[in-house]
Amino acid sequence: MDMFSPYGFGLGSHWLLYIGVPLILGIWAQIRVTSAFRKWGEVRASSNITGAECAQEILRAAQIQDVEVVETNNFLGDHYDPRDKKLHLSSNVYHTPSVAALGIAAHETGHAIQHARAYAPLKARMAIVPVTMIASQMLPFVIIGGLFFHLTHLITLGIWCYLILLVFQLITLPVEFDASGRAKIIFARREASNSTGNVINWKTTRTK
């Protein structure tokens, strides 16, 4: 591992640690999210409404009329797109009256409420999304090229890409927690299932 010591601004043999630990944590978080979804996806919500119906009720309660709830075929691909004001719910969430489906739908609807209320951290995240997408696509190539071909300038570029992604994640944290908080408040007002509110917390571990 001494071959890495001249690179990465003195990080030396710790370079793989800085790359490997975030990668492992990301995989672990994804496994936890998938496991939680499958577990709570088998529990029927007492309100007996689907994820799509839940999202529509919350939007009406928040007096938001210009957001469309649509179905997507991507598993756990649920997200709110502020560009076209569409709330995308995966099929398992859109059609299912489970606790997990309502938790996810409520959380994503929270992002729509943030957008309607001009929530500052959400606006900041939206502003750096294009740069973040470029950085995430470049990072694997510049890291591999820099380490295996001993190209120092590529490693420097990789560090900048990593920092951009880190800033994005730091901005994302308050956005995700705030979306869950907004969803819980609406749920309380709408007298939805008490068990659903607890599930919303694990949804915050996912990044859009």
Protein backbone atom coordinates (compact mmCIF):
# COMPACT_ATOMS: atom_id res chain seq x y z
CA MET A 1 0.00 0.00 0.00
CA ASP A 2 3.05 2.26 0.05
CA MET A 3 2.46 2.84 -3.64
CA PHE A 4 -0.32 5.26 -2.67
CA SER A 5 1.75 7.34 -0.25
CA PRO A 6 2.83 10.09 -2.71
CA TYR A 7 -0.77 10.85 -3.62
CA GLY A 8 -3.82 12.47 -2.06
CA PHE A 9 -2.09 15.34 -0.21
CA GLY A 10 -0.34 13.09 2.27
CA LEU A 11 -3.25 10.75 2.88
CA GLY A 12 -0.95 7.90 1.91
CA SER A 13 -2.13 4.41 2.68
CA HIS A 14 -5.31 5.84 4.24
CA TRP A 15 -6.64 6.67 0.76
CA LEU A 16 -8.45 3.34 0.46
CA LEU A 17 -9.94 3.89 3.92
CA TYR A 18 -11.44 7.21 2.86
CA ILE A 19 -12.90 5.60 -0.24
CA GLY A 20 -13.91 2.24 1.22
CA VAL A 21 -15.64 3.38 4.43
CA PRO A 22 -18.19 5.68 2.71
CA LEU A 23 -18.81 2.98 0.11
CA ILE A 24 -19.45 0.33 2.76
CA LEU A 25 -21.68 2.68 4.77
CA GLY A 26 -23.67 3.50 1.65
CA ILE A 27 -24.23 -0.18 0.87
CA TRP A 28 -25.17 -0.88 4.51
CA ALA A 29 -27.68 2.00 4.54
CA GLN A 30 -29.28 0.77 1.32
CA ILE A 31 -29.64 -2.74 2.74
CA ARG A 32 -31.27 -1.32 5.89
CA VAL A 33 -33.72 0.77 3.86
CA THR A 34 -34.69 -2.18 1.66
CA SER A 35 -35.10 -4.45 4.69
CA ALA A 36 -37.27 -1.91 6.53
CA PHE A 37 -39.44 -1.39 3.45
CA ARG A 38 -40.05 -5.12 3.05
CA LYS A 39 -40.86 -5.49 6.76
CA TRP A 40 -43.30 -2.58 7.04
CA GLY A 41 -44.62 -3.20 3.55
CA GLU A 42 -46.38 -6.28 4.93
CA VAL A 43 -48.17 -4.27 7.63
CA ARG A 44 -51.50 -2.84 6.49
CA ALA A 45 -52.17 0.74 7.55
CA SER A 46 -55.26 1.25 9.69
CA SER A 47 -56.33 4.14 7.45
CA ASN A 48 -56.58 1.62 4.58
CA ILE A 49 -55.49 4.15 1.95
CA THR A 50 -52.77 3.69 -0.66
CA GLY A 51 -49.59 5.70 -0.91
CA ALA A 52 -51.04 7.69 -3.81
CA GLU A 53 -54.19 8.51 -1.85
CA CYS A 54 -52.10 9.48 1.16
CA ALA A 55 -49.99 11.89 -0.93
CA GLN A 56 -53.08 13.44 -2.49
CA GLU A 57 -54.72 13.94 0.91
CA ILE A 58 -51.62 15.63 2.30
CA LEU A 59 -51.36 17.91 -0.73
CA ARG A 60 -54.99 18.92 -0.32
CA ALA A 61 -54.46 19.55 3.40
CA ALA A 62 -51.45 21.72 2.58
CA GLN A 63 -53.52 23.55 -0.06
CA ILE A 64 -51.14 22.57 -2.85
CA GLN A 65 -53.01 22.06 -6.10
CA ASP A 66 -50.30 22.19 -8.76
CA VAL A 67 -48.41 18.97 -7.88
CA GLU A 68 -49.23 15.78 -9.78
CA VAL A 69 -48.85 12.35 -8.16
CA VAL A 70 -47.58 9.85 -10.73
CA GLU A 71 -46.48 6.20 -10.73
CA THR A 72 -42.93 5.05 -11.50
CA ASN A 73 -41.72 1.49 -12.07
CA ASN A 74 -38.42 1.98 -10.21
CA PHE A 75 -38.30 0.07 -6.91
CA LEU A 76 -37.73 2.61 -4.12
CA GLY A 77 -37.41 5.25 -6.82
CA ASP A 78 -39.82 7.53 -5.01
CA HIS A 79 -38.99 11.21 -5.26
CA TYR A 80 -40.40 14.68 -5.78
CA ASP A 81 -39.19 16.50 -8.90
CA PRO A 82 -39.43 20.27 -8.38
CA ARG A 83 -38.73 20.94 -12.07
CA ASP A 84 -42.10 19.68 -13.26
CA LYS A 85 -43.83 19.53 -9.84
CA LYS A 86 -44.45 15.80 -10.02
CA LEU A 87 -44.43 13.41 -7.08
CA HIS A 88 -43.11 10.08 -8.35
CA LEU A 89 -44.15 7.03 -6.33
CA SER A 90 -42.97 3.49 -7.09
CA SER A 91 -45.67 0.94 -7.91
CA ASN A 92 -45.34 -0.75 -4.50
CA VAL A 93 -45.99 2.59 -2.82
CA TYR A 94 -48.52 4.01 -5.26
CA HIS A 95 -51.01 1.11 -5.06
CA THR A 96 -50.36 -0.34 -1.59
CA PRO A 97 -52.14 0.56 1.68
CA SER A 98 -49.18 -0.47 3.84
CA VAL A 99 -47.43 1.40 6.63
CA ALA A 100 -44.24 1.60 4.54
CA ALA A 101 -46.10 2.94 1.52
CA LEU A 102 -47.77 5.68 3.54
CA GLY A 103 -44.51 6.58 5.28
CA ILE A 104 -42.67 7.01 1.98
CA ALA A 105 -45.53 8.85 0.29
CA ALA A 106 -45.83 11.25 3.22
CA HIS A 107 -42.10 11.91 3.30
CA GLU A 108 -41.90 12.67 -0.41
CA THR A 109 -44.96 14.89 -0.16
CA GLY A 110 -43.04 16.77 2.52
CA HIS A 111 -40.57 17.77 -0.18
CA ALA A 112 -43.42 19.15 -2.29
CA ILE A 113 -44.52 21.22 0.71
CA GLN A 114 -40.93 22.46 1.14
CA HIS A 115 -40.88 23.53 -2.49
CA ALA A 116 -44.20 25.35 -2.17
CA ARG A 117 -42.97 27.13 0.96
CA ALA A 118 -39.61 28.05 -0.65
CA TYR A 119 -37.62 26.17 2.02
CA ALA A 120 -34.07 27.58 1.77
CA PRO A 121 -32.04 24.33 2.20
CA LEU A 122 -34.12 22.67 -0.52
CA LYS A 123 -33.40 25.58 -2.86
CA ALA A 124 -29.69 25.26 -2.06
CA ARG A 125 -29.76 21.52 -2.79
CA MET A 126 -31.57 22.10 -6.07
CA ALA A 127 -28.91 24.64 -7.06
CA ILE A 128 -26.00 22.21 -6.69
CA VAL A 129 -27.72 19.11 -8.10
CA PRO A 130 -26.23 19.58 -11.63
CA VAL A 131 -22.69 19.88 -10.25
CA THR A 132 -23.29 16.93 -7.93
CA MET A 133 -24.44 14.71 -10.80
CA ILE A 134 -21.30 15.50 -12.78
CA ALA A 135 -19.08 14.88 -9.75
CA SER A 136 -20.71 11.53 -8.95
CA GLN A 137 -20.27 10.34 -12.52
CA MET A 138 -16.64 11.43 -12.66
CA LEU A 139 -15.51 10.21 -9.24
CA PRO A 140 -15.04 6.46 -9.95
CA PHE A 141 -13.05 7.13 -13.11
CA VAL A 142 -10.76 9.80 -11.66
CA ILE A 143 -10.07 7.73 -8.53
CA ILE A 144 -9.24 4.58 -10.49
CA GLY A 145 -7.20 6.52 -13.04
CA GLY A 146 -5.32 8.44 -10.36
CA LEU A 147 -4.46 5.47 -8.16
CA PHE A 148 -3.63 2.85 -10.75
CA PHE A 149 -1.94 5.10 -13.32
CA HIS A 150 -0.26 7.36 -10.76
CA LEU A 151 -1.84 10.53 -12.15
CA THR A 152 -1.68 13.01 -9.30
CA HIS A 153 -3.89 15.61 -10.97
CA LEU A 154 -6.68 13.05 -11.28
CA ILE A 155 -6.47 12.28 -7.56
CA THR A 156 -6.73 16.01 -6.86
CA LEU A 157 -9.81 16.16 -9.08
CA GLY A 158 -11.19 13.15 -7.23
CA ILE A 159 -10.80 14.95 -3.90
CA TRP A 160 -12.77 17.90 -5.23
CA CYS A 161 -15.50 15.57 -6.49
CA TYR A 162 -15.62 13.90 -3.10
CA LEU A 163 -15.92 17.28 -1.34
CA ILE A 164 -18.78 18.32 -3.63
CA LEU A 165 -20.66 15.13 -2.78
CA LEU A 166 -19.97 15.68 0.91
CA VAL A 167 -21.40 19.21 0.79
CA PHE A 168 -24.46 17.86 -1.01
CA GLN A 169 -25.03 15.24 1.69
CA LEU A 170 -24.64 17.83 4.46
CA ILE A 171 -27.27 20.02 2.81
CA THR A 172 -29.50 17.00 2.24
CA LEU A 173 -29.69 16.04 5.92
CA PRO A 174 -31.79 19.00 7.14
CA VAL A 175 -33.92 18.77 3.99
CA GLU A 176 -34.77 15.12 4.66
CA PHE A 177 -35.48 15.56 8.37
CA ASP A 178 -37.61 18.64 7.71
CA ALA A 179 -39.65 16.78 5.07
CA SER A 180 -40.37 14.01 7.57
CA GLY A 181 -41.34 16.56 10.21
CA ARG A 182 -43.76 18.29 7.86
CA ALA A 183 -45.31 14.95 6.91
CA LYS A 184 -45.78 13.99 10.58
CA ILE A 185 -47.57 17.26 11.31
CA ILE A 186 -49.94 16.77 8.38
CA PHE A 187 -50.54 13.16 9.43
CA ALA A 188 -51.47 14.29 12.92
CA ARG A 189 -53.92 16.81 11.52
CA ARG A 190 -55.47 14.26 9.21
CA GLU A 191 -55.75 11.66 11.98
CA ALA A 192 -53.84 9.12 9.94
CA SER A 193 -52.43 5.87 11.29
CA ASN A 194 -50.22 6.40 14.36
CA SER A 195 -47.92 3.59 13.27
CA THR A 196 -47.19 5.29 9.96
CA GLY A 197 -45.55 8.29 11.57
CA ASN A 198 -42.89 6.08 13.15
CA VAL A 199 -41.91 4.58 9.81
CA ILE A 200 -41.20 7.95 8.23
CA ASN A 201 -37.94 8.24 10.23
CA TRP A 202 -36.12 5.48 8.33
CA LYS A 203 -37.03 7.10 5.02
CA THR A 204 -34.69 10.00 5.90
CA THR A 205 -31.65 7.71 5.45
CA ARG A 206 -32.23 7.68 1.67
CA THR A 207 -30.49 10.34 -0.74
CA LYS A 208 -32.43 11.95 -3.94
